[in-house]
C-alpha atoms as a PDB file:
ATOM      1  CA  UNK A   1      98.562  70.552   3.430  1.00  0.00           C
ATOM      2  CA  UNK A   2      96.430  72.673   5.793  1.00  0.00           C
ATOM      3  CA  UNK A   3      97.837  73.944   9.330  1.00  0.00           C
ATOM      4  CA  UNK A   4      94.933  71.386  10.750  1.00  0.00           C
ATOM      5  CA  UNK A   5      96.122  68.204   8.876  1.00  0.00           C
ATOM      6  CA  UNK A   6      99.278  69.057   9.431  1.00  0.00           C
ATOM      7  CA  UNK A   7      98.685  68.797  13.275  1.00  0.00           C
ATOM      8  CA  UNK A   8      96.588  65.756  12.828  1.00  0.00           C
ATOM      9  CA  UNK A   9      99.770  64.139  11.028  1.00  0.00           C
ATOM     10  CA  UNK A  10     101.965  65.170  13.886  1.00  0.00           C
ATOM     11  CA  UNK A  11     100.322  64.186  16.868  1.00  0.00           C
ATOM     12  CA  UNK A  12      99.840  60.763  15.322  1.00  0.00           C
ATOM     13  CA  UNK A  13     103.445  60.385  14.283  1.00  0.00           C
ATOM     14  CA  UNK A  14     104.975  61.182  17.334  1.00  0.00           C
ATOM     15  CA  UNK A  15     102.221  61.195  20.172  1.00  0.00           C
ATOM     16  CA  UNK A  16     100.451  57.636  19.668  1.00  0.00           C
ATOM     17  CA  UNK A  17     101.352  54.376  18.045  1.00  0.00           C
ATOM     18  CA  UNK A  18     102.842  54.077  14.283  1.00  0.00           C
ATOM     19  CA  UNK A  19     102.400  50.686  13.068  1.00  0.00           C
ATOM     20  CA  UNK A  20     103.115  49.180  10.342  1.00  0.00           C
ATOM     21  CA  UNK A  21     102.557  44.999   8.941  1.00  0.00           C
ATOM     22  CA  UNK A  22     106.096  43.973  10.729  1.00  0.00           C
ATOM     23  CA  UNK A  23     106.156  46.131  14.028  1.00  0.00           C
ATOM     24  CA  UNK A  24     104.090  48.959  15.998  1.00  0.00           C
ATOM     25  CA  UNK A  25     106.318  51.617  17.660  1.00  0.00           C
ATOM     26  CA  UNK A  26     105.410  54.307  20.400  1.00  0.00           C
ATOM     27  CA  UNK A  27     107.302  57.527  20.859  1.00  0.00           C
ATOM     28  CA  UNK A  28     107.265  60.106  23.706  1.00  0.00           C
ATOM     29  CA  UNK A  29     107.414  63.696  22.844  1.00  0.00           C
ATOM     30  CA  UNK A  30     108.880  66.665  24.899  1.00  0.00           C
ATOM     31  CA  UNK A  31     109.255  70.782  24.449  1.00  0.00           C
ATOM     32  CA  UNK A  32     112.097  72.434  25.226  1.00  0.00           C
ATOM     33  CA  UNK A  33     110.755  76.199  25.170  1.00  0.00           C
ATOM     34  CA  UNK A  34     112.515  79.704  25.942  1.00  0.00           C
ATOM     35  CA  UNK A  35     110.200  83.045  27.070  1.00  0.00           C
ATOM     36  CA  UNK A  36     111.877  86.001  27.549  1.00  0.00           C
ATOM     37  CA  UNK A  37     108.899  87.217  30.434  1.00  0.00           C
ATOM     38  CA  UNK A  38     109.638  91.161  29.706  1.00  0.00           C
ATOM     39  CA  UNK A  39     110.296  92.700  33.055  1.00  0.00           C
ATOM     40  CA  UNK A  40     108.498  90.131  35.649  1.00  0.00           C
ATOM     41  CA  UNK A  41     109.641  92.244  38.950  1.00  0.00           C
ATOM     42  CA  UNK A  42     107.749  91.738  42.032  1.00  0.00           C
ATOM     43  CA  UNK A  43     106.070  95.040  43.652  1.00  0.00           C
ATOM     44  CA  UNK A  44     108.441  96.249  46.476  1.00  0.00           C
ATOM     45  CA  UNK A  45     111.738  98.048  46.118  1.00  0.00           C
ATOM     46  CA  UNK A  46     114.980  95.956  46.231  1.00  0.00           C
ATOM     47  CA  UNK A  47     117.498  98.391  48.056  1.00  0.00           C
ATOM     48  CA  UNK A  48     120.402  95.986  46.314  1.00  0.00           C
ATOM     49  CA  UNK A  49     119.316  96.641  43.067  1.00  0.00           C
ATOM     50  CA  UNK A  50     118.406  98.995  40.715  1.00  0.00           C
ATOM     51  CA  UNK A  51     114.758  97.502  40.260  1.00  0.00           C
ATOM     52  CA  UNK A  52     113.348 101.863  40.533  1.00  0.00           C
ATOM     53  CA  UNK A  53     113.640 101.690  36.917  1.00  0.00           C
ATOM     54  CA  UNK A  54     111.252  98.916  36.063  1.00  0.00           C
ATOM     55  CA  UNK A  55     107.839  99.739  34.442  1.00  0.00           C
ATOM     56  CA  UNK A  56     106.068  98.071  37.675  1.00  0.00           C
ATOM     57  CA  UNK A  57     108.267 100.155  40.233  1.00  0.00           C
ATOM     58  CA  UNK A  58     107.001 103.474  37.969  1.00  0.00           C
ATOM     59  CA  UNK A  59     103.339 103.090  39.016  1.00  0.00           C
ATOM     60  CA  UNK A  60     101.710 104.072  41.799  1.00  0.00           C
ATOM     61  CA  UNK A  61     102.254 101.979  44.631  1.00  0.00           C
ATOM     62  CA  UNK A  62      99.072 101.491  45.328  1.00  0.00           C
ATOM     63  CA  UNK A  63      98.563  99.515  41.266  1.00  0.00           C
ATOM     64  CA  UNK A  64     101.819  97.234  41.578  1.00  0.00           C
ATOM     65  CA  UNK A  65     100.245  94.235  43.197  1.00  0.00           C
ATOM     66  CA  UNK A  66      97.182  94.291  40.707  1.00  0.00           C
ATOM     67  CA  UNK A  67      99.538  94.745  37.886  1.00  0.00           C
ATOM     68  CA  UNK A  68     101.948  92.062  39.087  1.00  0.00           C
ATOM     69  CA  UNK A  69      99.051  89.325  39.866  1.00  0.00           C
ATOM     70  CA  UNK A  70      97.953  90.256  36.410  1.00  0.00           C
ATOM     71  CA  UNK A  71     101.386  89.967  35.079  1.00  0.00           C
ATOM     72  CA  UNK A  72     102.031  86.339  36.748  1.00  0.00           C
ATOM     73  CA  UNK A  73      98.637  85.301  35.396  1.00  0.00           C
ATOM     74  CA  UNK A  74      99.001  85.970  31.675  1.00  0.00           C
ATOM     75  CA  UNK A  75     102.991  84.978  31.684  1.00  0.00           C
ATOM     76  CA  UNK A  76     101.375  81.644  33.603  1.00  0.00           C
ATOM     77  CA  UNK A  77      98.797  81.247  30.726  1.00  0.00           C
ATOM     78  CA  UNK A  78     101.527  81.539  27.916  1.00  0.00           C
ATOM     79  CA  UNK A  79     104.145  78.600  29.515  1.00  0.00           C
ATOM     80  CA  UNK A  80     101.306  76.298  30.110  1.00  0.00           C
ATOM     81  CA  UNK A  81      99.966  76.300  26.961  1.00  0.00           C
ATOM     82  CA  UNK A  82     103.954  76.021  24.792  1.00  0.00           C
ATOM     83  CA  UNK A  83     103.593  72.453  23.121  1.00  0.00           C
ATOM     84  CA  UNK A  84     100.358  71.337  24.857  1.00  0.00           C
ATOM     85  CA  UNK A  85      98.403  70.851  21.488  1.00  0.00           C
ATOM     86  CA  UNK A  86     101.096  67.919  20.438  1.00  0.00           C
ATOM     87  CA  UNK A  87     102.481  66.641  23.604  1.00  0.00           C
ATOM     88  CA  UNK A  88      99.404  66.982  26.047  1.00  0.00           C
ATOM     89  CA  UNK A  89     101.097  68.882  28.638  1.00  0.00           C
ATOM     90  CA  UNK A  90     103.573  72.082  29.393  1.00  0.00           C
ATOM     91  CA  UNK A  91     107.227  71.775  28.759  1.00  0.00           C
ATOM     92  CA  UNK A  92     109.671  69.742  30.458  1.00  0.00           C
ATOM     93  CA  UNK A  93     112.106  72.487  30.136  1.00  0.00           C
ATOM     94  CA  UNK A  94     111.883  76.459  30.162  1.00  0.00           C
ATOM     95  CA  UNK A  95     114.476  78.882  29.752  1.00  0.00           C
ATOM     96  CA  UNK A  96     113.526  82.235  30.757  1.00  0.00           C
ATOM     97  CA  UNK A  97     114.924  85.525  30.904  1.00  0.00           C
ATOM     98  CA  UNK A  98     114.114  89.384  32.304  1.00  0.00           C
ATOM     99  CA  UNK A  99     113.059  87.745  35.916  1.00  0.00           C
ATOM    100  CA  UNK A 100     114.437  90.176  39.146  1.00  0.00           C
ATOM    101  CA  UNK A 101     114.894  86.990  41.503  1.00  0.00           C
ATOM    102  CA  UNK A 102     113.978  83.967  42.244  1.00  0.00           C
ATOM    103  CA  UNK A 103     110.634  85.164  44.337  1.00  0.00           C
ATOM    104  CA  UNK A 104     108.796  85.752  41.063  1.00  0.00           C
ATOM    105  CA  UNK A 105     109.941  82.659  39.592  1.00  0.00           C
ATOM    106  CA  UNK A 106     108.054  80.507  42.835  1.00  0.00           C
ATOM    107  CA  UNK A 107     105.189  83.104  42.553  1.00  0.00           C
ATOM    108  CA  UNK A 108     104.844  82.422  39.152  1.00  0.00           C
ATOM    109  CA  UNK A 109     104.984  78.048  39.114  1.00  0.00           C
ATOM    110  CA  UNK A 110     102.287  79.293  42.412  1.00  0.00           C
ATOM    111  CA  UNK A 111      99.482  80.023  39.711  1.00  0.00           C
ATOM    112  CA  UNK A 112      96.469  78.241  38.889  1.00  0.00           C
ATOM    113  CA  UNK A 113      97.871  76.893  35.025  1.00  0.00           C
ATOM    114  CA  UNK A 114     101.464  75.430  36.804  1.00  0.00           C
ATOM    115  CA  UNK A 115     101.152  74.772  40.226  1.00  0.00           C
ATOM    116  CA  UNK A 116      99.956  71.118  39.600  1.00  0.00           C
ATOM    117  CA  UNK A 117     103.022  71.032  37.119  1.00  0.00           C
ATOM    118  CA  UNK A 118     105.683  70.252  40.050  1.00  0.00           C
ATOM    119  CA  UNK A 119     107.904  72.756  38.226  1.00  0.00           C
ATOM    120  CA  UNK A 120     111.631  72.861  39.563  1.00  0.00           C
ATOM    121  CA  UNK A 121     113.383  76.087  39.883  1.00  0.00           C
ATOM    122  CA  UNK A 122     117.438  76.840  38.593  1.00  0.00           C
ATOM    123  CA  UNK A 123     118.483  80.572  39.504  1.00  0.00           C
ATOM    124  CA  UNK A 124     121.281  82.442  39.968  1.00  0.00           C
ATOM    125  CA  UNK A 125     121.367  86.059  40.948  1.00  0.00           C
ATOM    126  CA  UNK A 126     123.399  87.853  37.770  1.00  0.00           C
ATOM    127  CA  UNK A 127     125.135  91.328  38.531  1.00  0.00           C
ATOM    128  CA  UNK A 128     123.408  92.894  35.280  1.00  0.00           C
ATOM    129  CA  UNK A 129     122.987  96.388  36.540  1.00  0.00           C
ATOM    130  CA  UNK A 130     118.617  96.407  35.790  1.00  0.00           C
ATOM    131  CA  UNK A 131     118.665  93.409  38.178  1.00  0.00           C
ATOM    132  CA  UNK A 132     117.105  90.914  35.847  1.00  0.00           C
ATOM    133  CA  UNK A 133     118.394  87.344  35.558  1.00  0.00           C
ATOM    134  CA  UNK A 134     118.286  83.933  33.624  1.00  0.00           C
ATOM    135  CA  UNK A 135     116.666  81.075  35.190  1.00  0.00           C
ATOM    136  CA  UNK A 136     115.690  77.457  34.022  1.00  0.00           C
ATOM    137  CA  UNK A 137     112.406  75.863  35.149  1.00  0.00           C
ATOM    138  CA  UNK A 138     111.631  71.989  34.539  1.00  0.00           C
ATOM    139  CA  UNK A 139     109.474  69.190  35.572  1.00  0.00           C
ATOM    140  CA  UNK A 140     110.875  66.857  38.600  1.00  0.00           C
ATOM    141  CA  UNK A 141     109.522  63.974  37.343  1.00  0.00           C
ATOM    142  CA  UNK A 142     110.870  63.923  33.902  1.00  0.00           C
ATOM    143  CA  UNK A 143     114.157  65.412  34.478  1.00  0.00           C
ATOM    144  CA  UNK A 144     116.591  65.702  37.183  1.00  0.00           C
ATOM    145  CA  UNK A 145     119.401  68.123  37.161  1.00  0.00           C
ATOM    146  CA  UNK A 146     122.816  66.722  38.302  1.00  0.00           C
ATOM    147  CA  UNK A 147     125.176  69.703  37.872  1.00  0.00           C
ATOM    148  CA  UNK A 148     124.469  73.659  37.367  1.00  0.00           C
ATOM    149  CA  UNK A 149     126.771  76.701  37.344  1.00  0.00           C
ATOM    150  CA  UNK A 150     126.633  80.358  36.551  1.00  0.00           C
ATOM    151  CA  UNK A 151     128.963  81.672  33.723  1.00  0.00           C
ATOM    152  CA  UNK A 152     130.326  85.112  34.568  1.00  0.00           C
ATOM    153  CA  UNK A 153     130.035  87.131  31.383  1.00  0.00           C
ATOM    154  CA  UNK A 154     133.092  89.716  31.597  1.00  0.00           C
ATOM    155  CA  UNK A 155     132.928  92.702  29.360  1.00  0.00           C
ATOM    156  CA  UNK A 156     134.605  96.313  29.516  1.00  0.00           C
ATOM    157  CA  UNK A 157     133.682  99.420  27.815  1.00  0.00           C
ATOM    158  CA  UNK A 158     135.617  99.891  24.559  1.00  0.00           C
ATOM    159  CA  UNK A 159     135.968 103.680  25.216  1.00  0.00           C
ATOM    160  CA  UNK A 160     137.128 103.284  28.787  1.00  0.00           C
ATOM    161  CA  UNK A 161     138.791  99.822  29.368  1.00  0.00           C
ATOM    162  CA  UNK A 162     138.363  99.762  32.815  1.00  0.00           C
ATOM    163  CA  UNK A 163     134.970 100.685  32.647  1.00  0.00           C
ATOM    164  CA  UNK A 164     133.372  97.260  33.482  1.00  0.00           C
ATOM    165  CA  UNK A 165     130.016  96.513  31.338  1.00  0.00           C
ATOM    166  CA  UNK A 166     127.640  94.424  34.061  1.00  0.00           C
ATOM    167  CA  UNK A 167     125.046  92.496  32.346  1.00  0.00           C
ATOM    168  CA  UNK A 168     123.343  88.870  32.718  1.00  0.00           C
ATOM    169  CA  UNK A 169     125.655  85.679  33.426  1.00  0.00           C
ATOM    170  CA  UNK A 170     124.660  82.310  31.361  1.00  0.00           C
ATOM    171  CA  UNK A 171     123.142  79.289  32.918  1.00  0.00           C
ATOM    172  CA  UNK A 172     124.448  75.967  32.087  1.00  0.00           C
ATOM    173  CA  UNK A 173     122.353  73.289  33.733  1.00  0.00           C
ATOM    174  CA  UNK A 174     122.961  69.168  33.227  1.00  0.00           C
ATOM    175  CA  UNK A 175     120.571  66.729  34.192  1.00  0.00           C
ATOM    176  CA  UNK A 176     118.854  63.428  32.753  1.00  0.00           C
ATOM    177  CA  UNK A 177     115.587  63.952  31.053  1.00  0.00           C
ATOM    178  CA  UNK A 178     114.226  60.120  31.210  1.00  0.00           C
ATOM    179  CA  UNK A 179     117.536  59.015  31.194  1.00  0.00           C
ATOM    180  CA  UNK A 180     118.984  60.495  28.494  1.00  0.00           C
ATOM    181  CA  UNK A 181     121.928  63.357  29.641  1.00  0.00           C
ATOM    182  CA  UNK A 182     121.332  66.611  28.152  1.00  0.00           C
ATOM    183  CA  UNK A 183     123.029  70.474  28.794  1.00  0.00           C
ATOM    184  CA  UNK A 184     120.739  73.350  28.294  1.00  0.00           C
ATOM    185  CA  UNK A 185     122.493  76.695  28.613  1.00  0.00           C
ATOM    186  CA  UNK A 186     120.299  80.268  29.267  1.00  0.00           C
ATOM    187  CA  UNK A 187     121.230  83.675  27.735  1.00  0.00           C
ATOM    188  CA  UNK A 188     120.254  86.962  27.485  1.00  0.00           C
ATOM    189  CA  UNK A 189     123.168  88.323  25.446  1.00  0.00           C
ATOM    190  CA  UNK A 190     123.664  92.323  25.948  1.00  0.00           C
ATOM    191  CA  UNK A 191     121.165  94.540  24.365  1.00  0.00           C
ATOM    192  CA  UNK A 192     121.310  96.824  20.923  1.00  0.00           C
ATOM    193  CA  UNK A 193     120.985  99.561  23.172  1.00  0.00           C
ATOM    194  CA  UNK A 194     123.060 102.692  21.898  1.00  0.00           C
ATOM    195  CA  UNK A 195     122.656 101.306  18.169  1.00  0.00           C
ATOM    196  CA  UNK A 196     123.500  97.349  16.571  1.00  0.00           C
ATOM    197  CA  UNK A 197     127.223  98.329  15.638  1.00  0.00           C
ATOM    198  CA  UNK A 198     128.151 100.258  18.654  1.00  0.00           C
ATOM    199  CA  UNK A 199     127.095  97.397  20.940  1.00  0.00           C
ATOM    200  CA  UNK A 200     127.840  94.576  18.806  1.00  0.00           C
ATOM    201  CA  UNK A 201     131.274  93.730  20.237  1.00  0.00           C
ATOM    202  CA  UNK A 202     129.361  92.870  23.319  1.00  0.00           C
ATOM    203  CA  UNK A 203     126.893  90.133  22.030  1.00  0.00           C
ATOM    204  CA  UNK A 204     130.292  88.387  20.020  1.00  0.00           C
ATOM    205  CA  UNK A 205     131.618  88.210  23.463  1.00  0.00           C
ATOM    206  CA  UNK A 206     128.197  86.590  24.899  1.00  0.00           C
ATOM    207  CA  UNK A 207     128.618  84.476  21.831  1.00  0.00           C
ATOM    208  CA  UNK A 208     132.733  83.519  22.802  1.00  0.00           C
ATOM    209  CA  UNK A 209     131.490  82.719  26.024  1.00  0.00           C
ATOM    210  CA  UNK A 210     128.702  80.421  24.931  1.00  0.00           C
ATOM    211  CA  UNK A 211     130.858  78.803  22.478  1.00  0.00           C
ATOM    212  CA  UNK A 212     133.607  78.504  25.322  1.00  0.00           C
ATOM    213  CA  UNK A 213     131.165  76.364  27.734  1.00  0.00           C
ATOM    214  CA  UNK A 214     129.915  73.997  24.573  1.00  0.00           C
ATOM    215  CA  UNK A 215     133.899  73.541  23.418  1.00  0.00           C
ATOM    216  CA  UNK A 216     134.196  72.454  27.855  1.00  0.00           C
ATOM    217  CA  UNK A 217     131.078  70.085  26.994  1.00  0.00           C
ATOM    218  CA  UNK A 218     132.085  68.612  23.940  1.00  0.00           C
ATOM    219  CA  UNK A 219     135.652  68.187  25.123  1.00  0.00           C
ATOM    220  CA  UNK A 220     134.390  65.791  27.504  1.00  0.00           C
ATOM    221  CA  UNK A 221     131.660  63.763  25.471  1.00  0.00           C
ATOM    222  CA  UNK A 222     132.140  64.865  22.217  1.00  0.00           C
ATOM    223  CA  UNK A 223     128.297  63.510  21.835  1.00  0.00           C
ATOM    224  CA  UNK A 224     127.058  65.612  23.931  1.00  0.00           C
ATOM    225  CA  UNK A 225     123.429  66.938  24.136  1.00  0.00           C
ATOM    226  CA  UNK A 226     123.285  70.689  24.070  1.00  0.00           C
ATOM    227  CA  UNK A 227     120.674  73.122  23.513  1.00  0.00           C
ATOM    228  CA  UNK A 228     121.576  76.875  24.264  1.00  0.00           C
ATOM    229  CA  UNK A 229     118.719  78.880  24.208  1.00  0.00           C
ATOM    230  CA  UNK A 230     117.659  82.762  24.526  1.00  0.00           C
ATOM    231  CA  UNK A 231     117.400  85.884  23.725  1.00  0.00           C
ATOM    232  CA  UNK A 232     120.354  86.565  21.616  1.00  0.00           C
ATOM    233  CA  UNK A 233     119.582  90.166  20.866  1.00  0.00           C
ATOM    234  CA  UNK A 234     120.867  89.126  17.444  1.00  0.00           C
ATOM    235  CA  UNK A 235     119.473  87.037  14.477  1.00  0.00           C
ATOM    236  CA  UNK A 236     120.340  84.120  13.374  1.00  0.00           C
ATOM    237  CA  UNK A 237     122.494  85.495  10.538  1.00  0.00           C
ATOM    238  CA  UNK A 238     124.836  87.740  12.731  1.00  0.00           C
ATOM    239  CA  UNK A 239     128.410  87.551  13.096  1.00  0.00           C
ATOM    240  CA  UNK A 240     128.025  86.195  17.024  1.00  0.00           C
ATOM    241  CA  UNK A 241     125.875  83.429  15.894  1.00  0.00           C
ATOM    242  CA  UNK A 242     126.412  82.641  12.490  1.00  0.00           C
ATOM    243  CA  UNK A 243     130.808  82.933  12.759  1.00  0.00           C
ATOM    244  CA  UNK A 244     131.424  82.964  16.559  1.00  0.00           C
ATOM    245  CA  UNK A 245     129.002  79.857  17.220  1.00  0.00           C
ATOM    246  CA  UNK A 246     129.446  78.591  13.803  1.00  0.00           C
ATOM    247  CA  UNK A 247     125.849  77.728  13.737  1.00  0.00           C
ATOM    248  CA  UNK A 248     124.467  76.204  10.361  1.00  0.00           C
ATOM    249  CA  UNK A 249     120.949  76.216   9.227  1.00  0.00           C
ATOM    250  CA  UNK A 250     120.769  73.212   7.176  1.00  0.00           C
ATOM    251  CA  UNK A 251     121.151  69.764   9.431  1.00  0.00           C
ATOM    252  CA  UNK A 252     123.035  68.188   6.767  1.00  0.00           C
ATOM    253  CA  UNK A 253     125.736  70.071   6.998  1.00  0.00           C
ATOM    254  CA  UNK A 254     126.185  69.804  10.665  1.00  0.00           C
ATOM    255  CA  UNK A 255     129.301  67.929  11.637  1.00  0.00           C
ATOM    256  CA  UNK A 256     129.849  66.245  14.897  1.00  0.00           C
ATOM    257  CA  UNK A 257     130.717  69.340  17.398  1.00  0.00           C
ATOM    258  CA  UNK A 258     129.110  71.579  15.396  1.00  0.00           C
ATOM    259  CA  UNK A 259     125.590  73.213  15.867  1.00  0.00           C
ATOM    260  CA  UNK A 260     122.836  73.443  14.178  1.00  0.00           C
ATOM    261  CA  UNK A 261     120.229  76.288  13.919  1.00  0.00           C
ATOM    262  CA  UNK A 262     116.458  75.514  12.912  1.00  0.00           C
ATOM    263  CA  UNK A 263     115.544  78.847  13.589  1.00  0.00           C
ATOM    264  CA  UNK A 264     118.031  80.619  10.490  1.00  0.00           C
ATOM    265  CA  UNK A 265     115.544  79.382   7.711  1.00  0.00           C
ATOM    266  CA  UNK A 266     112.412  79.884   9.726  1.00  0.00           C
ATOM    267  CA  UNK A 267     113.654  83.854   9.533  1.00  0.00           C
ATOM    268  CA  UNK A 268     115.431  83.444   5.690  1.00  0.00           C
ATOM    269  CA  UNK A 269     113.117  81.423   4.206  1.00  0.00           C
ATOM    270  CA  UNK A 270     109.478  82.003   5.821  1.00  0.00           C
ATOM    271  CA  UNK A 271     109.911  85.214   7.409  1.00  0.00           C
ATOM    272  CA  UNK A 272     109.000  84.569  10.656  1.00  0.00           C
ATOM    273  CA  UNK A 273     110.107  86.536  13.475  1.00  0.00           C
ATOM    274  CA  UNK A 274     109.701  87.115  17.429  1.00  0.00           C
ATOM    275  CA  UNK A 275     110.063  90.703  17.661  1.00  0.00           C
ATOM    276  CA  UNK A 276     108.904  93.864  15.828  1.00  0.00           C
ATOM    277  CA  UNK A 277     110.637  96.860  15.466  1.00  0.00           C
ATOM    278  CA  UNK A 278     109.619  99.661  12.633  1.00  0.00           C
ATOM    279  CA  UNK A 279     107.488  97.148  11.176  1.00  0.00           C
ATOM    280  CA  UNK A 280     109.944  94.972  10.299  1.00  0.00           C
ATOM    281  CA  UNK A 281     110.810  91.560  12.641  1.00  0.00           C
ATOM    282  CA  UNK A 282     113.350  89.563  13.196  1.00  0.00           C
ATOM    283  CA  UNK A 283     114.249  86.145  15.286  1.00  0.00           C
ATOM    284  CA  UNK A 284     116.579  87.300  18.168  1.00  0.00           C
ATOM    285  CA  UNK A 285     115.146  84.395  20.306  1.00  0.00           C
ATOM    286  CA  UNK A 286     116.299  81.387  19.535  1.00  0.00           C
ATOM    287  CA  UNK A 287     117.488  77.609  20.285  1.00  0.00           C
ATOM    288  CA  UNK A 288     120.523  75.916  18.948  1.00  0.00           C
ATOM    289  CA  UNK A 289     121.376  72.105  19.226  1.00  0.00           C
ATOM    290  CA  UNK A 290     124.322  70.368  18.792  1.00  0.00           C
ATOM    291  CA  UNK A 291     124.495  67.721  16.035  1.00  0.00           C
ATOM    292  CA  UNK A 292     123.803  64.067  17.974  1.00  0.00           C
ATOM    293  CA  UNK A 293     119.870  65.675  18.452  1.00  0.00           C
ATOM    294  CA  UNK A 294     120.080  65.316  14.263  1.00  0.00           C
ATOM    295  CA  UNK A 295     120.539  61.398  14.497  1.00  0.00           C
ATOM    296  CA  UNK A 296     118.316  59.106  12.606  1.00  0.00           C
ATOM    297  CA  UNK A 297     118.388  56.918  15.457  1.00  0.00           C
ATOM    298  CA  UNK A 298     115.364  57.097  18.149  1.00  0.00           C
ATOM    299  CA  UNK A 299     116.367  54.969  20.734  1.00  0.00           C
ATOM    300  CA  UNK A 300     117.050  58.409  22.700  1.00  0.00           C
ATOM    301  CA  UNK A 301     115.580  61.699  22.188  1.00  0.00           C
ATOM    302  CA  UNK A 302     116.055  63.645  18.945  1.00  0.00           C
ATOM    303  CA  UNK A 303     115.709  66.650  17.748  1.00  0.00           C
ATOM    304  CA  UNK A 304     112.297  66.838  15.580  1.00  0.00           C
ATOM    305  CA  UNK A 305     110.650  70.435  15.160  1.00  0.00           C
ATOM    306  CA  UNK A 306     111.329  73.896  16.347  1.00  0.00           C
ATOM    307  CA  UNK A 307     108.722  76.440  16.375  1.00  0.00           C
ATOM    308  CA  UNK A 308     107.379  80.206  17.424  1.00  0.00           C
ATOM    309  CA  UNK A 309     104.516  80.394  19.819  1.00  0.00           C
ATOM    310  CA  UNK A 310     102.580  83.190  18.674  1.00  0.00           C
ATOM    311  CA  UNK A 311      98.770  82.223  18.930  1.00  0.00           C
ATOM    312  CA  UNK A 312      96.667  85.273  17.940  1.00  0.00           C
ATOM    313  CA  UNK A 313      96.009  86.173  21.894  1.00  0.00           C
ATOM    314  CA  UNK A 314      99.802  86.941  21.826  1.00  0.00           C
ATOM    315  CA  UNK A 315      99.324  89.223  19.295  1.00  0.00           C
ATOM    316  CA  UNK A 316      98.678  93.337  19.488  1.00  0.00           C
ATOM    317  CA  UNK A 317      94.611  93.102  18.546  1.00  0.00           C
ATOM    318  CA  UNK A 318      94.634  96.739  17.093  1.00  0.00           C
ATOM    319  CA  UNK A 319      95.972 100.260  16.544  1.00  0.00           C
ATOM    320  CA  UNK A 320      99.329 100.960  15.160  1.00  0.00           C
ATOM    321  CA  UNK A 321     101.414  97.756  16.422  1.00  0.00           C
ATOM    322  CA  UNK A 322      98.710  95.527  15.296  1.00  0.00           C
ATOM    323  CA  UNK A 323     100.051  91.842  14.925  1.00  0.00           C
ATOM    324  CA  UNK A 324     103.464  93.013  17.333  1.00  0.00           C
ATOM    325  CA  UNK A 325     103.850  90.940  20.117  1.00  0.00           C
ATOM    326  CA  UNK A 326     101.209  92.098  22.775  1.00  0.00           C
ATOM    327  CA  UNK A 327     103.559  93.602  25.114  1.00  0.00           C
ATOM    328  CA  UNK A 328     102.932  93.862  29.154  1.00  0.00           C
ATOM    329  CA  UNK A 329     104.158  97.613  29.369  1.00  0.00           C
ATOM    330  CA  UNK A 330     103.147 100.315  27.156  1.00  0.00           C
ATOM    331  CA  UNK A 331     102.655 104.008  27.393  1.00  0.00           C
ATOM    332  CA  UNK A 332     103.862 104.324  31.655  1.00  0.00           C
ATOM    333  CA  UNK A 333     101.159 101.495  32.548  1.00  0.00           C
ATOM    334  CA  UNK A 334     100.027  97.891  32.062  1.00  0.00           C
ATOM    335  CA  UNK A 335      98.622  97.552  28.952  1.00  0.00           C
ATOM    336  CA  UNK A 336      97.211  93.692  29.562  1.00  0.00           C
ATOM    337  CA  UNK A 337      99.580  91.972  27.091  1.00  0.00           C
ATOM    338  CA  UNK A 338     102.635  89.395  27.855  1.00  0.00           C
ATOM    339  CA  UNK A 339     105.451  89.878  26.183  1.00  0.00           C
ATOM    340  CA  UNK A 340     107.603  92.206  23.907  1.00  0.00           C
ATOM    341  CA  UNK A 341     108.637  88.877  22.426  1.00  0.00           C
ATOM    342  CA  UNK A 342     106.901  85.372  21.239  1.00  0.00           C
ATOM    343  CA  UNK A 343     108.455  82.287  23.148  1.00  0.00           C
ATOM    344  CA  UNK A 344     110.401  79.594  20.982  1.00  0.00           C
ATOM    345  CA  UNK A 345     110.667  75.733  21.084  1.00  0.00           C
ATOM    346  CA  UNK A 346     111.867  72.387  19.669  1.00  0.00           C
ATOM    347  CA  UNK A 347     110.417  69.055  19.896  1.00  0.00           C
ATOM    348  CA  UNK A 348     112.301  66.506  21.244  1.00  0.00           C
ATOM    349  CA  UNK A 349     110.848  62.694  20.358  1.00  0.00           C
ATOM    350  CA  UNK A 350     112.282  59.074  21.036  1.00  0.00           C
ATOM    351  CA  UNK A 351     110.983  55.407  20.764  1.00  0.00           C
ATOM    352  CA  UNK A 352     109.666  54.102  23.843  1.00  0.00           C
ATOM    353  CA  UNK A 353     109.283  50.380  24.956  1.00  0.00           C
ATOM    354  CA  UNK A 354     105.918  48.968  25.137  1.00  0.00           C
END
């Protein structure tokens, strides 16, 4: 089946009416997305953060504001389009990372593509040494937060146990999506700086914190609907995801209080990725769901499909890195691109009463 026919089938099945001889059903679809915004920093120096090393601050002062406005426009364009071909509107929930502060989020949501979408913000300042945070954006008319919390990742250097490694907190937001209780965890796990093997323990610590948060939610409610999302700096195959989180690739194998990772088969069977390095693709950006999203009863929101948002305009159009994510900053300047990561998303679907 070609892509156009598949899209038409998807829309007809989940966005509009499904009729049979006995009844008529209407389904509502919402998108939950995640995007690494690649160094979304404002153009002003913050004396309380190490933002001098950000790409925008390394530019001539006269260029910064113009580059900042172009960066905002590019990010808003992408966020406004994820899932829109199926749902007709931007995502209900968006997790983001590599943002400097609340101001850049407010400026982003005031861009023309997003200003009328009525998004709210959940954001806490992290102790990350680069001054970058994670955040959750949500449509106020669809999602109502009931609790928010930031969970600190405590890591210490293997060679110097007294030296703390400052990195991003993990953000937990609980709320009601169309009166359906859900929990969203936004992650940006430690990078592979210094090498994958040498830095592996940091991401396994991050996974352990993530698992602790999930376990606490499931201890209170085994049927909790949880989506943990983010740039994990590990693939679905790494120990942090496969063993520490225990995420599984096949829905049929996922039991209550276990996790399903729809991204694993995208990479393993289709060779898809969200980042590229040395002519090799990897899938660091992931959406992982708890088992109650996999039930067949559509009286409340269930998982329908996961995907990577990678339209042609998000790929580098030429040169050595043709086809790679078209990043914003390259060679010490603004390249006109978007991010060095592709966004990821899941569709949630439920039956609604007519």
